[in-house]
């Protein structure tokens, strides 16, 4: 008999601890996305307040509405905040216990706004499921910096300079004018190539290409100067010259 009593007490304690564990494992509100309670917030019928609704500081509607029903909430307390879509952007917030009333109405008295429970039948303008996490803003990668446009001799000035060089009868005179022009007016690789072609002899083309390299605004394109030469040896010599700088 005594053994039976002890066995009965042990079973009762085991069942009690099991029930306690089940209660402690019940998720808090927001942990279960499939609650069976809804929250409705509305403006008074005689007013046209449009508003945004926040539940536990999470925005629920992207566009302002006059009434909204949020579904899939737990029977629990939530912090409800309403921000009016008006010039003053009035804001009111409070804790709402959904075990008492699932419908709240915006009230207005003078300059003050508030929320109160209501038994009025509301046909919500928007019905949606509860949003529990804020929408993360999309991360836009920064635009790569735009490289500055190389500052070089204007096309009009360049044409005038080329004409002056061409008017000289000898390569030596052309070299003097060309060096004066490029040392005072930074040029692109294409412009330097154009002047190189004004010389008659390959050696003079190579000499000017070496001299003008310092004044080129887009040295990464200096490979264009290869088009000025007829011999591979001139191209190699220019390349070796640039490497040695």
Protein backbone atom coordinates (compact mmCIF):
# COMPACT_ATOMS: atom_id res chain seq x y z
CA UNK A 1 0.00 0.00 0.00
CA UNK A 2 2.80 2.40 0.92
CA UNK A 3 4.64 1.55 -2.32
CA UNK A 4 1.45 2.36 -4.32
CA UNK A 5 1.13 5.77 -2.66
CA UNK A 6 4.78 6.61 -3.44
CA UNK A 7 4.38 5.54 -7.07
CA UNK A 8 1.27 7.73 -7.43
CA UNK A 9 3.09 10.76 -6.01
CA UNK A 10 6.05 10.20 -8.34
CA UNK A 11 3.77 10.07 -11.39
CA UNK A 12 2.00 13.26 -10.30
CA UNK A 13 5.30 15.10 -9.91
CA UNK A 14 6.47 13.90 -13.34
CA UNK A 15 3.26 15.08 -15.04
CA UNK A 16 3.47 18.42 -13.23
CA UNK A 17 7.05 19.05 -14.37
CA UNK A 18 6.17 18.05 -17.94
CA UNK A 19 3.26 20.50 -18.01
CA UNK A 20 5.46 23.23 -16.56
CA UNK A 21 8.06 22.66 -19.24
CA UNK A 22 5.42 22.89 -21.96
CA UNK A 23 4.20 26.22 -20.60
CA UNK A 24 7.74 27.64 -20.42
CA UNK A 25 8.34 26.68 -24.06
CA UNK A 26 5.32 28.64 -25.34
CA UNK A 27 6.68 31.26 -27.77
CA UNK A 28 6.28 34.92 -27.04
CA UNK A 29 4.31 37.12 -29.44
CA UNK A 30 6.06 37.42 -32.77
CA UNK A 31 7.66 34.01 -32.34
CA UNK A 32 4.72 32.30 -34.01
CA UNK A 33 3.91 33.86 -37.38
CA UNK A 34 0.55 32.06 -37.49
CA UNK A 35 -1.37 33.65 -34.63
CA UNK A 36 -5.13 33.69 -34.82
CA UNK A 37 -5.77 37.24 -33.62
CA UNK A 38 -6.04 40.42 -35.65
CA UNK A 39 -5.69 44.12 -34.89
CA UNK A 40 -7.79 46.77 -36.61
CA UNK A 41 -7.07 50.47 -36.41
CA UNK A 42 -9.39 53.03 -37.97
CA UNK A 43 -10.08 56.72 -38.25
CA UNK A 44 -13.47 58.02 -37.00
CA UNK A 45 -16.22 57.91 -39.59
CA UNK A 46 -16.61 61.69 -39.54
CA UNK A 47 -12.86 62.26 -40.09
CA UNK A 48 -10.51 61.42 -42.93
CA UNK A 49 -7.24 60.84 -41.09
CA UNK A 50 -4.77 58.87 -43.14
CA UNK A 51 -2.01 57.21 -41.18
CA UNK A 52 0.83 54.71 -41.02
CA UNK A 53 0.67 51.88 -38.48
CA UNK A 54 3.64 50.54 -36.53
CA UNK A 55 3.38 47.34 -34.46
CA UNK A 56 6.27 46.93 -32.04
CA UNK A 57 8.08 49.68 -34.01
CA UNK A 58 7.79 47.81 -37.31
CA UNK A 59 6.01 49.67 -40.13
CA UNK A 60 3.08 47.68 -41.52
CA UNK A 61 1.81 49.74 -44.49
CA UNK A 62 3.90 51.50 -47.12
CA UNK A 63 1.04 53.80 -48.18
CA UNK A 64 -1.04 55.77 -45.69
CA UNK A 65 -4.56 54.41 -45.09
CA UNK A 66 -7.77 55.36 -43.26
CA UNK A 67 -8.19 51.89 -41.76
CA UNK A 68 -6.13 48.72 -41.59
CA UNK A 69 -6.44 45.17 -40.30
CA UNK A 70 -3.29 43.26 -39.36
CA UNK A 71 -3.72 39.50 -39.02
CA UNK A 72 -1.71 36.61 -37.53
CA UNK A 73 -1.02 38.19 -34.14
CA UNK A 74 -0.89 36.37 -30.82
CA UNK A 75 -3.31 37.17 -28.02
CA UNK A 76 -0.82 39.37 -26.27
CA UNK A 77 0.18 42.99 -25.69
CA UNK A 78 1.74 44.97 -28.52
CA UNK A 79 3.06 48.48 -28.72
CA UNK A 80 0.95 50.19 -31.37
CA UNK A 81 2.01 53.50 -32.87
CA UNK A 82 0.08 55.60 -35.36
CA UNK A 83 1.68 58.39 -37.39
CA UNK A 84 -0.81 60.66 -39.13
CA UNK A 85 -0.30 61.70 -42.72
CA UNK A 86 -0.90 65.39 -42.11
CA UNK A 87 1.10 68.61 -42.06
CA UNK A 88 1.85 68.26 -38.34
CA UNK A 89 2.67 64.55 -38.63
CA UNK A 90 0.97 63.87 -35.32
CA UNK A 91 2.02 60.67 -33.62
CA UNK A 92 0.40 58.61 -30.87
CA UNK A 93 1.43 55.29 -29.39
CA UNK A 94 0.42 52.96 -26.57
CA UNK A 95 0.39 49.34 -25.50
CA UNK A 96 -2.68 47.46 -26.70
CA UNK A 97 -3.84 44.18 -25.11
CA UNK A 98 -5.50 42.12 -27.83
CA UNK A 99 -7.14 39.91 -25.20
CA UNK A 100 -9.41 42.83 -24.42
CA UNK A 101 -10.26 44.44 -27.74
CA UNK A 102 -8.92 43.87 -31.26
CA UNK A 103 -10.21 47.17 -32.67
CA UNK A 104 -8.81 50.63 -31.98
CA UNK A 105 -10.00 54.02 -33.20
CA UNK A 106 -8.10 57.27 -33.47
CA UNK A 107 -9.62 59.99 -31.25
CA UNK A 108 -9.01 63.71 -31.50
CA UNK A 109 -9.61 66.42 -28.92
CA UNK A 110 -8.23 69.87 -29.61
CA UNK A 111 -4.55 69.46 -30.39
CA UNK A 112 -4.36 66.01 -28.81
CA UNK A 113 -4.68 62.64 -30.52
CA UNK A 114 -5.10 59.24 -28.94
CA UNK A 115 -6.27 55.65 -29.39
CA UNK A 116 -9.24 54.00 -27.73
CA UNK A 117 -11.03 50.69 -28.05
CA UNK A 118 -14.22 50.58 -30.08
CA UNK A 119 -16.99 48.08 -30.81
CA UNK A 120 -17.79 49.66 -34.17
CA UNK A 121 -17.90 47.37 -37.18
CA UNK A 122 -15.04 48.33 -39.46
CA UNK A 123 -14.49 47.32 -43.07
CA UNK A 124 -10.73 47.93 -43.34
CA UNK A 125 -9.26 49.65 -46.34
CA UNK A 126 -6.22 47.34 -46.13
CA UNK A 127 -5.95 43.80 -44.71
CA UNK A 128 -2.55 42.20 -44.37
CA UNK A 129 -0.46 39.75 -42.35
CA UNK A 130 1.76 41.00 -39.56
CA UNK A 131 5.24 42.17 -40.57
CA UNK A 132 7.65 41.29 -37.77
CA UNK A 133 10.93 42.55 -39.18
CA UNK A 134 11.58 45.90 -40.83
CA UNK A 135 12.35 45.95 -44.51
CA UNK A 136 16.09 46.24 -44.93
CA UNK A 137 17.05 49.01 -47.34
CA UNK A 138 18.66 47.70 -50.47
CA UNK A 139 22.40 48.25 -50.47
CA UNK A 140 23.44 50.15 -53.55
CA UNK A 141 27.12 49.76 -54.34
CA UNK A 142 28.88 53.10 -54.71
CA UNK A 143 29.45 54.27 -58.23
CA UNK A 144 33.08 54.03 -59.29
CA UNK A 145 34.71 57.44 -59.57
CA UNK A 146 34.63 58.91 -63.02
CA UNK A 147 38.19 59.51 -64.20
CA UNK A 148 38.77 63.15 -65.05
CA UNK A 149 38.90 64.07 -68.70
CA UNK A 150 42.54 64.66 -69.65
CA UNK A 151 43.22 68.34 -70.12
CA UNK A 152 44.92 68.81 -73.46
CA UNK A 153 45.29 71.24 -76.29
CA UNK A 154 41.98 72.32 -77.84
CA UNK A 155 41.26 71.00 -81.35
CA UNK A 156 41.35 74.51 -82.81
CA UNK A 157 44.70 75.40 -81.26
CA UNK A 158 46.07 72.02 -82.23
CA UNK A 159 45.15 72.51 -85.90
CA UNK A 160 46.82 75.92 -85.91
CA UNK A 161 49.97 74.44 -84.35
CA UNK A 162 50.08 71.63 -86.89
CA UNK A 163 49.77 74.17 -89.70
CA UNK A 164 52.69 76.19 -88.33
CA UNK A 165 54.85 73.07 -88.12
CA UNK A 166 53.90 71.99 -91.64
CA UNK A 167 54.82 75.41 -93.04
CA UNK A 168 58.47 74.86 -92.07
CA UNK A 169 60.59 73.51 -94.91
CA UNK A 170 63.10 71.43 -92.95
CA UNK A 171 62.71 68.80 -90.25
CA UNK A 172 65.07 70.69 -87.96
CA UNK A 173 62.84 73.78 -88.09
CA UNK A 174 59.75 71.63 -87.62
CA UNK A 175 61.37 70.08 -84.54
CA UNK A 176 62.04 73.50 -83.00
CA UNK A 177 58.41 74.64 -83.44
CA UNK A 178 56.97 71.27 -82.37
CA UNK A 179 59.00 71.21 -79.15
CA UNK A 180 57.91 74.78 -78.36
CA UNK A 181 54.27 73.86 -78.88
CA UNK A 182 54.19 70.63 -76.87
CA UNK A 183 56.21 72.04 -73.96
CA UNK A 184 53.65 74.84 -73.55
CA UNK A 185 50.51 72.83 -74.36
CA UNK A 186 50.04 69.33 -72.89
CA UNK A 187 48.75 66.93 -75.54
CA UNK A 188 47.07 63.56 -75.84
CA UNK A 189 48.88 60.60 -77.35
CA UNK A 190 46.77 60.97 -80.50
CA UNK A 191 47.80 64.62 -80.88
CA UNK A 192 51.48 63.76 -80.44
CA UNK A 193 51.10 61.02 -83.06
CA UNK A 194 49.68 63.58 -85.49
CA UNK A 195 52.73 65.83 -85.09
CA UNK A 196 55.14 62.90 -85.45
CA UNK A 197 53.66 62.21 -88.88
CA UNK A 198 54.62 65.75 -89.99
CA UNK A 199 58.34 64.82 -89.93
CA UNK A 200 59.96 63.34 -92.98
CA UNK A 201 62.62 61.21 -91.31
CA UNK A 202 62.09 58.33 -88.88
CA UNK A 203 64.86 59.52 -86.58
CA UNK A 204 63.15 62.88 -86.11
CA UNK A 205 59.83 61.18 -85.42
CA UNK A 206 61.51 59.10 -82.73
CA UNK A 207 63.28 62.11 -81.19
CA UNK A 208 60.04 64.07 -80.93
CA UNK A 209 58.13 61.07 -79.51
CA UNK A 210 60.75 60.80 -76.73
CA UNK A 211 60.67 64.55 -76.03
CA UNK A 212 56.86 64.76 -75.99
CA UNK A 213 56.31 61.81 -73.61
CA UNK A 214 56.71 64.03 -70.54
CA UNK A 215 53.91 66.32 -71.73
CA UNK A 216 51.40 63.58 -72.64
CA UNK A 217 48.22 63.68 -70.53
CA UNK A 218 47.25 60.05 -71.23
CA UNK A 219 50.53 58.17 -71.09
CA UNK A 220 48.62 54.87 -70.84
CA UNK A 221 47.80 55.32 -74.55
CA UNK A 222 51.33 56.10 -75.69
CA UNK A 223 51.37 52.79 -77.52
CA UNK A 224 49.54 54.69 -80.30
CA UNK A 225 52.90 56.23 -81.22
CA UNK A 226 53.96 52.89 -82.73
CA UNK A 227 51.87 53.79 -85.77
CA UNK A 228 54.29 56.64 -86.56
CA UNK A 229 57.22 54.31 -87.23
CA UNK A 230 58.05 52.13 -90.18
CA UNK A 231 60.79 50.12 -88.46
CA UNK A 232 60.48 47.77 -85.50
CA UNK A 233 63.78 49.06 -84.16
CA UNK A 234 62.23 52.53 -83.63
CA UNK A 235 59.31 51.04 -81.73
CA UNK A 236 61.66 49.05 -79.48
CA UNK A 237 63.86 52.08 -78.86
CA UNK A 238 60.88 54.21 -77.80
CA UNK A 239 59.68 51.43 -75.53
CA UNK A 240 63.09 51.07 -73.89
CA UNK A 241 63.28 54.84 -73.44
CA UNK A 242 59.92 54.92 -71.60
CA UNK A 243 60.90 51.97 -69.38
CA UNK A 244 64.10 53.74 -68.39
CA UNK A 245 62.35 56.87 -67.11
